[in-house]
C-alpha cells in the first residue's frame, strides 16, 4: 500500500491586508476579512482532507498554529 500524500491548508496574510486560506487543490485562494473567519474556513477544509497539515500564520508570517490531522 502506498502512503497517503500530506496536503497542507495554510492561513496567511495577503499583501492587501486580508487573510487568505490557501488550499492545495485550488488555484484561487479564499479571502477573508478576519483571522477568525480564515481559521474557521481552514479547519473546515482540513477536516475533509486526510492526512492534512494545517498551518496558521500571523500578520508577520510567523507560525502560530500547526496541526496534523490524520485519519480517524
N, C-alpha and C. Protein backbone atom coordinates (compact mmCIF):
# COMPACT_ATOMS: atom_id res chain seq x y z
N UNK A 1 0.84 -1.16 0.00
CA UNK A 1 0.00 0.00 0.00
C UNK A 1 0.90 1.24 0.00
N UNK A 2 0.58 2.24 -0.82
CA UNK A 2 1.38 3.46 -0.88
C UNK A 2 0.92 4.43 0.19
N UNK A 3 1.84 5.15 0.79
CA UNK A 3 1.45 6.12 1.83
C UNK A 3 0.67 7.29 1.23
N UNK A 4 -0.23 7.85 2.01
CA UNK A 4 -1.03 8.98 1.55
C UNK A 4 -0.14 10.22 1.47
N UNK A 5 -0.47 11.08 0.53
CA UNK A 5 0.27 12.32 0.35
C UNK A 5 -0.27 13.35 1.35
N UNK A 6 0.64 14.00 2.06
CA UNK A 6 0.25 15.01 3.04
C UNK A 6 -0.13 16.30 2.31
N UNK A 7 -1.34 16.77 2.52
CA UNK A 7 -1.78 18.04 1.96
C UNK A 7 -1.65 19.11 3.04
N UNK A 8 -1.51 20.35 2.61
CA UNK A 8 -1.40 21.46 3.55
C UNK A 8 -2.48 22.49 3.26
N UNK A 9 -3.14 22.93 4.32
CA UNK A 9 -4.05 24.07 4.27
C UNK A 9 -3.37 25.16 5.07
N UNK A 10 -3.24 26.33 4.47
CA UNK A 10 -2.47 27.40 5.10
C UNK A 10 -3.29 28.67 5.20
N UNK A 11 -3.19 29.36 6.33
CA UNK A 11 -3.80 30.67 6.53
C UNK A 11 -2.66 31.67 6.66
N UNK A 12 -2.72 32.72 5.84
CA UNK A 12 -1.65 33.72 5.87
C UNK A 12 -2.21 35.08 5.48
N UNK A 13 -1.50 36.12 5.82
CA UNK A 13 -1.91 37.49 5.50
C UNK A 13 -1.55 37.78 4.05
N UNK A 14 -2.47 38.39 3.32
CA UNK A 14 -2.20 38.75 1.92
C UNK A 14 -1.51 40.10 1.87
N UNK A 15 -0.88 40.43 0.75
CA UNK A 15 -0.24 41.75 0.62
C UNK A 15 -1.24 42.90 0.75
N UNK A 16 -2.52 42.66 0.48
CA UNK A 16 -3.54 43.71 0.60
C UNK A 16 -4.09 43.83 2.01
N UNK A 17 -3.66 42.97 2.92
CA UNK A 17 -4.10 43.06 4.31
C UNK A 17 -5.23 42.13 4.69
N UNK A 18 -5.77 41.39 3.72
CA UNK A 18 -6.80 40.39 4.01
C UNK A 18 -6.14 39.12 4.50
N UNK A 19 -6.96 38.17 4.94
CA UNK A 19 -6.47 36.85 5.34
C UNK A 19 -6.84 35.87 4.26
N UNK A 20 -5.88 35.05 3.83
CA UNK A 20 -6.11 34.08 2.77
C UNK A 20 -6.01 32.66 3.30
N UNK A 21 -6.90 31.82 2.81
CA UNK A 21 -6.83 30.39 3.07
C UNK A 21 -6.35 29.76 1.76
N UNK A 22 -5.19 29.14 1.81
CA UNK A 22 -4.59 28.53 0.63
C UNK A 22 -4.83 27.03 0.70
N UNK A 23 -5.55 26.51 -0.30
CA UNK A 23 -5.88 25.09 -0.35
C UNK A 23 -5.00 24.40 -1.38
N UNK A 24 -4.60 23.17 -1.13
CA UNK A 24 -3.66 22.50 -2.03
C UNK A 24 -4.21 22.19 -3.41
N UNK A 25 -5.51 22.03 -3.54
CA UNK A 25 -6.08 21.63 -4.83
C UNK A 25 -6.86 22.75 -5.51
N UNK A 26 -6.64 23.99 -5.08
CA UNK A 26 -7.35 25.13 -5.65
C UNK A 26 -6.35 26.18 -6.12
N UNK A 27 -6.56 26.71 -7.32
CA UNK A 27 -5.69 27.77 -7.82
C UNK A 27 -5.99 29.10 -7.12
N UNK A 28 -7.27 29.35 -6.85
CA UNK A 28 -7.67 30.58 -6.18
C UNK A 28 -7.64 30.39 -4.67
N UNK A 29 -7.37 31.46 -3.96
CA UNK A 29 -7.36 31.43 -2.50
C UNK A 29 -8.68 31.96 -1.99
N UNK A 30 -9.10 31.49 -0.83
CA UNK A 30 -10.28 32.02 -0.17
C UNK A 30 -9.84 33.23 0.64
N UNK A 31 -10.46 34.38 0.40
CA UNK A 31 -10.08 35.62 1.06
C UNK A 31 -11.11 35.94 2.15
N UNK A 32 -10.60 36.26 3.34
CA UNK A 32 -11.45 36.58 4.49
C UNK A 32 -11.02 37.92 5.08
N UNK A 33 -11.98 38.60 5.73
CA UNK A 33 -11.66 39.88 6.35
C UNK A 33 -10.94 39.72 7.68
N UNK A 34 -11.25 38.65 8.42
CA UNK A 34 -10.66 38.48 9.75
C UNK A 34 -9.90 37.17 9.83
N UNK A 35 -8.96 37.12 10.76
CA UNK A 35 -8.20 35.90 11.01
C UNK A 35 -9.13 34.80 11.53
N UNK A 36 -10.09 35.14 12.36
CA UNK A 36 -11.02 34.15 12.91
C UNK A 36 -11.82 33.48 11.79
N UNK A 37 -12.29 34.27 10.83
CA UNK A 37 -13.03 33.69 9.70
C UNK A 37 -12.14 32.76 8.88
N UNK A 38 -10.92 33.19 8.64
CA UNK A 38 -9.99 32.38 7.85
C UNK A 38 -9.66 31.08 8.57
N UNK A 39 -9.47 31.13 9.89
CA UNK A 39 -9.18 29.91 10.65
C UNK A 39 -10.37 28.96 10.62
N UNK A 40 -11.57 29.48 10.73
CA UNK A 40 -12.77 28.64 10.69
C UNK A 40 -12.88 27.91 9.35
N UNK A 41 -12.66 28.63 8.27
CA UNK A 41 -12.72 28.01 6.94
C UNK A 41 -11.60 26.99 6.77
N UNK A 42 -10.41 27.32 7.24
CA UNK A 42 -9.27 26.41 7.12
C UNK A 42 -9.52 25.11 7.87
N UNK A 43 -10.07 25.20 9.08
CA UNK A 43 -10.36 23.98 9.85
C UNK A 43 -11.41 23.12 9.14
N UNK A 44 -12.42 23.76 8.58
CA UNK A 44 -13.44 23.00 7.84
C UNK A 44 -12.85 22.31 6.62
N UNK A 45 -11.99 23.01 5.91
CA UNK A 45 -11.36 22.42 4.72
C UNK A 45 -10.40 21.29 5.10
N UNK A 46 -9.64 21.49 6.16
CA UNK A 46 -8.68 20.48 6.59
C UNK A 46 -9.38 19.23 7.10
N UNK A 47 -10.55 19.38 7.67
CA UNK A 47 -11.28 18.23 8.20
C UNK A 47 -11.70 17.25 7.12
N UNK A 48 -11.77 17.72 5.87
CA UNK A 48 -12.19 16.86 4.77
C UNK A 48 -11.01 16.32 3.95
N UNK A 49 -9.80 16.58 4.38
CA UNK A 49 -8.61 16.11 3.68
C UNK A 49 -7.74 15.35 4.68
N UNK A 50 -7.59 14.05 4.45
CA UNK A 50 -6.80 13.24 5.38
C UNK A 50 -5.69 12.53 4.62
N UNK A 51 -4.52 12.48 5.12
CA UNK A 51 -3.98 13.29 6.20
C UNK A 51 -3.76 14.71 5.71
N UNK A 52 -3.75 15.66 6.63
CA UNK A 52 -3.63 17.07 6.27
C UNK A 52 -2.82 17.81 7.33
N UNK A 53 -2.11 18.79 6.88
CA UNK A 53 -1.35 19.66 7.75
C UNK A 53 -2.03 21.04 7.71
N UNK A 54 -2.34 21.59 8.87
CA UNK A 54 -2.97 22.91 8.96
C UNK A 54 -1.96 23.88 9.55
N UNK A 55 -1.67 24.95 8.81
CA UNK A 55 -0.69 25.93 9.24
C UNK A 55 -1.37 27.29 9.27
N UNK A 56 -1.32 27.95 10.43
CA UNK A 56 -1.90 29.29 10.58
C UNK A 56 -0.77 30.25 10.95
N UNK A 57 -0.65 31.32 10.17
CA UNK A 57 0.39 32.32 10.41
C UNK A 57 -0.24 33.64 10.85
N UNK A 58 0.54 34.45 11.58
CA UNK A 58 0.05 35.75 11.99
C UNK A 58 0.38 36.79 10.92
N UNK A 59 0.13 38.04 11.23
CA UNK A 59 0.34 39.12 10.25
C UNK A 59 1.81 39.28 9.86
N UNK A 60 2.72 38.74 10.68
CA UNK A 60 4.15 38.81 10.38
C UNK A 60 4.67 37.51 9.77
N UNK A 61 3.74 36.64 9.36
CA UNK A 61 4.04 35.36 8.71
C UNK A 61 4.75 34.37 9.63
N UNK A 62 4.57 34.55 10.95
CA UNK A 62 5.10 33.58 11.92
C UNK A 62 4.04 32.51 12.15
N UNK A 63 4.45 31.28 12.27
CA UNK A 63 3.51 30.18 12.51
C UNK A 63 3.00 30.28 13.94
N UNK A 64 1.66 30.40 14.07
CA UNK A 64 1.05 30.47 15.40
C UNK A 64 0.26 29.21 15.73
N UNK A 65 -0.04 28.41 14.72
CA UNK A 65 -0.73 27.14 14.94
C UNK A 65 -0.30 26.18 13.84
N UNK A 66 0.04 24.96 14.24
CA UNK A 66 0.48 23.94 13.30
C UNK A 66 -0.05 22.62 13.79
N UNK A 67 -0.93 22.01 13.01
CA UNK A 67 -1.56 20.75 13.42
C UNK A 67 -1.50 19.74 12.29
N UNK A 68 -1.40 18.48 12.68
CA UNK A 68 -1.55 17.38 11.73
C UNK A 68 -2.91 16.74 11.98
N UNK A 69 -3.69 16.63 10.94
CA UNK A 69 -4.99 16.00 11.05
C UNK A 69 -4.89 14.70 10.27
N UNK A 70 -5.06 13.60 10.98
CA UNK A 70 -4.90 12.28 10.38
C UNK A 70 -6.25 11.57 10.32
N UNK A 71 -6.26 10.48 9.60
CA UNK A 71 -7.50 9.68 9.50
C UNK A 71 -7.90 9.18 10.87
N UNK A 72 -9.20 9.10 11.08
CA UNK A 72 -9.71 8.60 12.36
C UNK A 72 -10.00 7.14 12.28
